[in-house]
Protein backbone atom coordinates (compact mmCIF):
# COMPACT_ATOMS: atom_id res chain seq x y z
CA UNK A 1 -40.54 -6.61 -23.05
CA UNK A 2 -37.98 -8.65 -23.04
CA UNK A 3 -37.01 -11.88 -22.45
CA UNK A 4 -36.07 -12.53 -18.28
CA UNK A 5 -34.32 -15.72 -19.69
CA UNK A 6 -32.01 -13.13 -21.52
CA UNK A 7 -31.84 -10.60 -19.64
CA UNK A 8 -29.30 -10.68 -17.10
CA UNK A 9 -30.49 -7.98 -14.65
CA UNK A 10 -34.11 -9.75 -14.31
CA UNK A 11 -34.73 -11.68 -10.94
CA UNK A 12 -32.36 -10.82 -7.85
CA UNK A 13 -29.70 -9.71 -10.03
CA UNK A 14 -32.39 -6.96 -11.04
CA UNK A 15 -32.72 -6.73 -6.89
CA UNK A 16 -29.07 -6.71 -6.14
CA UNK A 17 -28.47 -3.76 -8.91
CA UNK A 18 -31.21 -1.53 -7.54
CA UNK A 19 -30.21 -2.30 -3.48
CA UNK A 20 -26.36 -1.29 -4.79
CA UNK A 21 -27.98 2.08 -6.12
CA UNK A 22 -30.09 2.70 -3.06
CA UNK A 23 -26.87 2.07 -1.04
CA UNK A 24 -24.46 4.47 -3.53
CA UNK A 25 -27.34 6.84 -3.14
CA UNK A 26 -27.30 7.14 0.82
CA UNK A 27 -27.10 10.42 3.05
CA UNK A 28 -27.76 9.45 6.18
CA UNK A 29 -25.04 9.96 7.63
CA UNK A 30 -25.11 13.71 6.64
CA UNK A 31 -28.52 14.32 6.09
CA UNK A 32 -30.00 12.89 8.81
CA UNK A 33 -26.94 11.23 11.20
CA UNK A 34 -28.34 9.29 14.60
CA UNK A 35 -24.77 9.27 16.38
CA UNK A 36 -22.80 11.93 16.12
CA UNK A 37 -22.34 15.47 14.31
CA UNK A 38 -23.17 14.95 10.44
CA UNK A 39 -20.64 13.65 7.93
CA UNK A 40 -18.83 17.33 6.91
CA UNK A 41 -18.34 15.99 3.22
CA UNK A 42 -20.16 14.97 0.29
CA UNK A 43 -20.79 11.68 1.43
CA UNK A 44 -19.57 8.30 -1.39
CA UNK A 45 -20.27 5.44 -0.28
CA UNK A 46 -18.16 2.28 -1.21
CA UNK A 47 -18.99 -1.12 -1.89
CA UNK A 48 -18.31 -4.28 -4.21
CA UNK A 49 -20.48 -7.25 -4.09
CA UNK A 50 -22.53 -10.03 -5.83
CA UNK A 51 -24.65 -12.71 -5.00
CA UNK A 52 -22.26 -14.90 -7.23
CA UNK A 53 -19.14 -13.88 -4.56
CA UNK A 54 -17.77 -16.61 -2.46
CA UNK A 55 -15.36 -14.55 -0.67
CA UNK A 56 -16.63 -12.21 1.32
CA UNK A 57 -14.72 -9.55 3.29
CA UNK A 58 -15.70 -7.32 5.93
CA UNK A 59 -13.59 -4.11 6.07
CA UNK A 60 -13.72 -0.95 8.26
CA UNK A 61 -14.48 2.06 6.17
CA UNK A 62 -13.02 3.59 3.36
CA UNK A 63 -9.73 6.13 3.58
CA UNK A 64 -9.05 9.26 2.03
CA UNK A 65 -7.67 7.75 -1.04
CA UNK A 66 -10.95 5.25 -1.57
CA UNK A 67 -13.06 8.39 -1.09
CA UNK A 68 -11.00 9.76 -4.26
CA UNK A 69 -11.58 6.93 -6.41
CA UNK A 70 -14.66 5.46 -5.32
CA UNK A 71 -13.29 1.34 -5.62
CA UNK A 72 -12.65 -0.56 -2.63
CA UNK A 73 -8.49 -0.79 -1.05
CA UNK A 74 -6.73 1.83 -3.60
CA UNK A 75 -4.71 2.84 -0.80
CA UNK A 76 -1.15 1.00 0.48
CA UNK A 77 -3.58 -0.91 2.94
CA UNK A 78 -5.40 -2.42 -0.31
CA UNK A 79 -1.84 -3.84 -1.41
CA UNK A 80 -0.93 -5.22 1.59
CA UNK A 81 -4.71 -7.42 2.14
CA UNK A 82 -3.98 -8.83 -1.36
CA UNK A 83 -0.16 -9.68 -0.60
CA UNK A 84 -1.90 -11.38 2.50
CA UNK A 85 -4.87 -12.85 0.66
CA UNK A 86 -2.47 -14.05 -2.35
CA UNK A 87 -4.25 -12.87 -5.41
CA UNK A 88 -3.92 -9.62 -8.15
CA UNK A 89 -5.98 -6.94 -8.36
CA UNK A 90 -7.59 -8.63 -10.95
CA UNK A 91 -9.13 -11.75 -9.19
CA UNK A 92 -9.01 -8.88 -6.04
CA UNK A 93 -11.72 -6.68 -8.03
CA UNK A 94 -14.29 -8.82 -9.70
CA UNK A 95 -17.01 -8.68 -8.30
CA UNK A 96 -18.78 -12.41 -8.86
CA UNK A 97 -15.38 -13.87 -6.78
CA UNK A 98 -15.09 -11.08 -4.07
CA UNK A 99 -17.14 -8.90 -2.22
CA UNK A 100 -16.15 -6.18 -0.41
CA UNK A 101 -18.29 -4.47 2.39
CA UNK A 102 -16.98 -2.13 4.88
CA UNK A 103 -18.70 -0.90 8.30
CA UNK A 104 -19.36 2.12 7.02
CA UNK A 105 -19.16 2.65 3.45
CA UNK A 106 -17.75 6.52 3.50
CA UNK A 107 -15.25 8.08 4.08
CA UNK A 108 -15.45 9.48 8.10
CA UNK A 109 -13.28 12.15 8.44
CA UNK A 110 -9.64 12.35 10.24
CA UNK A 111 -9.28 12.77 13.92
CA UNK A 112 -7.46 15.54 15.22
CA UNK A 113 -4.49 13.30 14.66
CA UNK A 114 -4.67 13.11 11.02
CA UNK A 115 -6.09 9.36 11.13
CA UNK A 116 -9.21 8.26 10.16
CA UNK A 117 -12.39 8.36 12.39
CA UNK A 118 -14.15 5.03 12.92
CA UNK A 119 -16.35 4.01 10.39
CA UNK A 120 -20.01 5.60 10.93
CA UNK A 121 -22.58 3.92 13.17
CA UNK A 122 -25.16 4.56 10.85
CA UNK A 123 -24.83 2.08 7.39
CA UNK A 124 -24.20 -1.32 9.00
CA UNK A 125 -27.48 -0.85 10.74
CA UNK A 126 -29.32 0.26 8.18
CA UNK A 127 -27.77 -1.94 5.11
CA UNK A 128 -25.86 -4.43 6.12
CA UNK A 129 -28.81 -7.05 6.78
CA UNK A 130 -30.05 -6.79 3.59
CA UNK A 131 -26.89 -7.15 2.05
CA UNK A 132 -25.94 -10.07 3.42
CA UNK A 133 -29.14 -11.25 3.10
CA UNK A 134 -28.29 -10.91 -1.36
CA UNK A 135 -24.90 -13.04 -0.49
CA UNK A 136 -26.25 -16.87 -0.97
CA UNK A 137 -22.63 -18.08 -1.90
CA UNK A 138 -20.26 -16.67 0.44
CA UNK A 139 -18.14 -19.62 1.74
CA UNK A 140 -15.48 -17.33 3.86
CA UNK A 141 -15.23 -14.16 5.24
CA UNK A 142 -12.23 -11.96 6.29
CA UNK A 143 -13.27 -9.80 9.09
CA UNK A 144 -10.64 -6.89 8.29
CA UNK A 145 -10.33 -5.04 11.79
CA UNK A 146 -12.34 -5.42 15.48
CA UNK A 147 -15.23 -3.01 14.25
CA UNK A 148 -15.99 -5.92 11.80
CA UNK A 149 -15.22 -8.56 14.45
CA UNK A 150 -17.66 -7.13 16.56
CA UNK A 151 -20.01 -6.92 14.97
CA UNK A 152 -20.08 -10.57 13.08
CA UNK A 153 -18.37 -12.59 16.19
CA UNK A 154 -20.08 -13.72 19.41
CA UNK A 155 -18.86 -11.55 22.36
CA UNK A 156 -16.59 -13.99 24.38
CA UNK A 157 -14.88 -13.56 20.68
CA UNK A 158 -13.70 -10.10 20.77
CA UNK A 159 -14.18 -9.36 25.03
CA UNK A 160 -9.96 -9.86 24.90
CA UNK A 161 -9.20 -7.59 22.01
CA UNK A 162 -8.19 -7.36 18.23
CA UNK A 163 -5.04 -9.64 19.24
CA UNK A 164 -6.97 -12.21 21.18
CA UNK A 165 -9.48 -12.30 18.70
CA UNK A 166 -7.12 -12.88 15.82
CA UNK A 167 -5.05 -15.55 18.10
CA UNK A 168 -7.75 -17.43 18.37
CA UNK A 169 -8.14 -17.91 14.52
CA UNK A 170 -8.52 -22.13 14.38
CA UNK A 171 -11.06 -22.31 16.45
CA UNK A 172 -12.85 -19.91 14.99
CA UNK A 173 -12.06 -20.57 11.06
CA UNK A 174 -13.11 -24.89 12.54
CA UNK A 175 -16.47 -24.21 13.55
CA UNK A 176 -19.69 -25.34 11.69
CA UNK A 177 -20.60 -23.05 9.08
CA UNK A 178 -20.57 -21.61 5.92
CA UNK A 179 -19.06 -18.92 6.19
CA UNK A 180 -15.54 -20.13 7.05
CA UNK A 181 -14.39 -17.18 9.18
CA UNK A 182 -11.05 -15.59 9.83
CA UNK A 183 -10.23 -12.44 12.08
CA UNK A 184 -7.52 -10.82 10.56
CA UNK A 185 -5.96 -7.35 11.96
CA UNK A 186 -5.92 -3.90 9.77
CA UNK A 187 -3.74 -4.19 7.00
CA UNK A 188 -2.99 -0.07 7.75
CA UNK A 189 0.85 0.13 7.59
CA UNK A 190 0.45 1.42 10.53
CA UNK A 191 -0.01 -2.35 11.99
CA UNK A 192 3.33 -3.54 10.82
CA UNK A 193 5.09 -3.24 14.92
CA UNK A 194 1.88 -5.56 15.51
CA UNK A 195 3.08 -7.88 12.49
CA UNK A 196 6.66 -7.81 13.81
CA UNK A 197 5.54 -8.75 17.50
CA UNK A 198 3.10 -11.50 16.29
CA UNK A 199 4.96 -13.52 13.74
CA UNK A 200 2.76 -16.15 13.69
CA UNK A 201 0.26 -14.72 12.15
CA UNK A 202 1.96 -14.37 8.66
CA UNK A 203 4.15 -17.85 9.97
CA UNK A 204 1.20 -20.03 11.04
CA UNK A 205 -2.66 -18.23 9.59
CA UNK A 206 -1.21 -16.33 6.05
CA UNK A 207 -0.73 -20.00 4.46
CA UNK A 208 -3.94 -21.36 5.32
CA UNK A 209 -5.65 -18.23 4.29
CA UNK A 210 -4.09 -18.18 1.01
CA UNK A 211 -4.80 -22.03 0.21
CA UNK A 212 -8.72 -21.88 1.12
CA UNK A 213 -8.44 -18.42 -0.74
CA UNK A 214 -6.66 -20.32 -4.15
CA UNK A 215 -8.98 -23.45 -3.69
CA UNK A 216 -12.50 -20.92 -3.56
CA UNK A 217 -10.89 -19.07 -7.04
CA UNK A 218 -9.45 -21.61 -8.43
């Protein structure tokens, strides 16, 4: 029998590794969908997390490129998000530093206009409570897009839409925690117009976000 003191996958780490294995084997949206039609392709749940992570990014759902790679944010949105955070891929893809938890773990497919469908609604009720219960060290949580914000914030924070929610970032960020929480728009390049119309986002919010992340990673 191995010595549990020297076994890197003993105790809580082993439990969390088993949880990730279960998530990556999940086929609920294809085999027993609760909301709408079954997922029309083979599921490929994508998640990055570790109980040691101090930063958590709650996103939307993998796109087609992430579905192909099996790695979160391996697309133009990921490039923009990492620029917002002020970090490189080495830190971003270190699960012991950054947890990447989407609202829907699988690529949901495309709508009739070629855009991504909303995240599958089966994922969060099935897995999120258990995942977050295994992440005791999260100090900063970033809520990317309205689906994540509606899930993790009060209705009073989100009833005015995404722009109003992000505009209220200071009030949300300075609430007693942990974790400190910051709502963000989705980093899709389709939101370039939103960024131009809301110059305060880059001028006021991003410096605070980058400083907080630098402190956590430093």
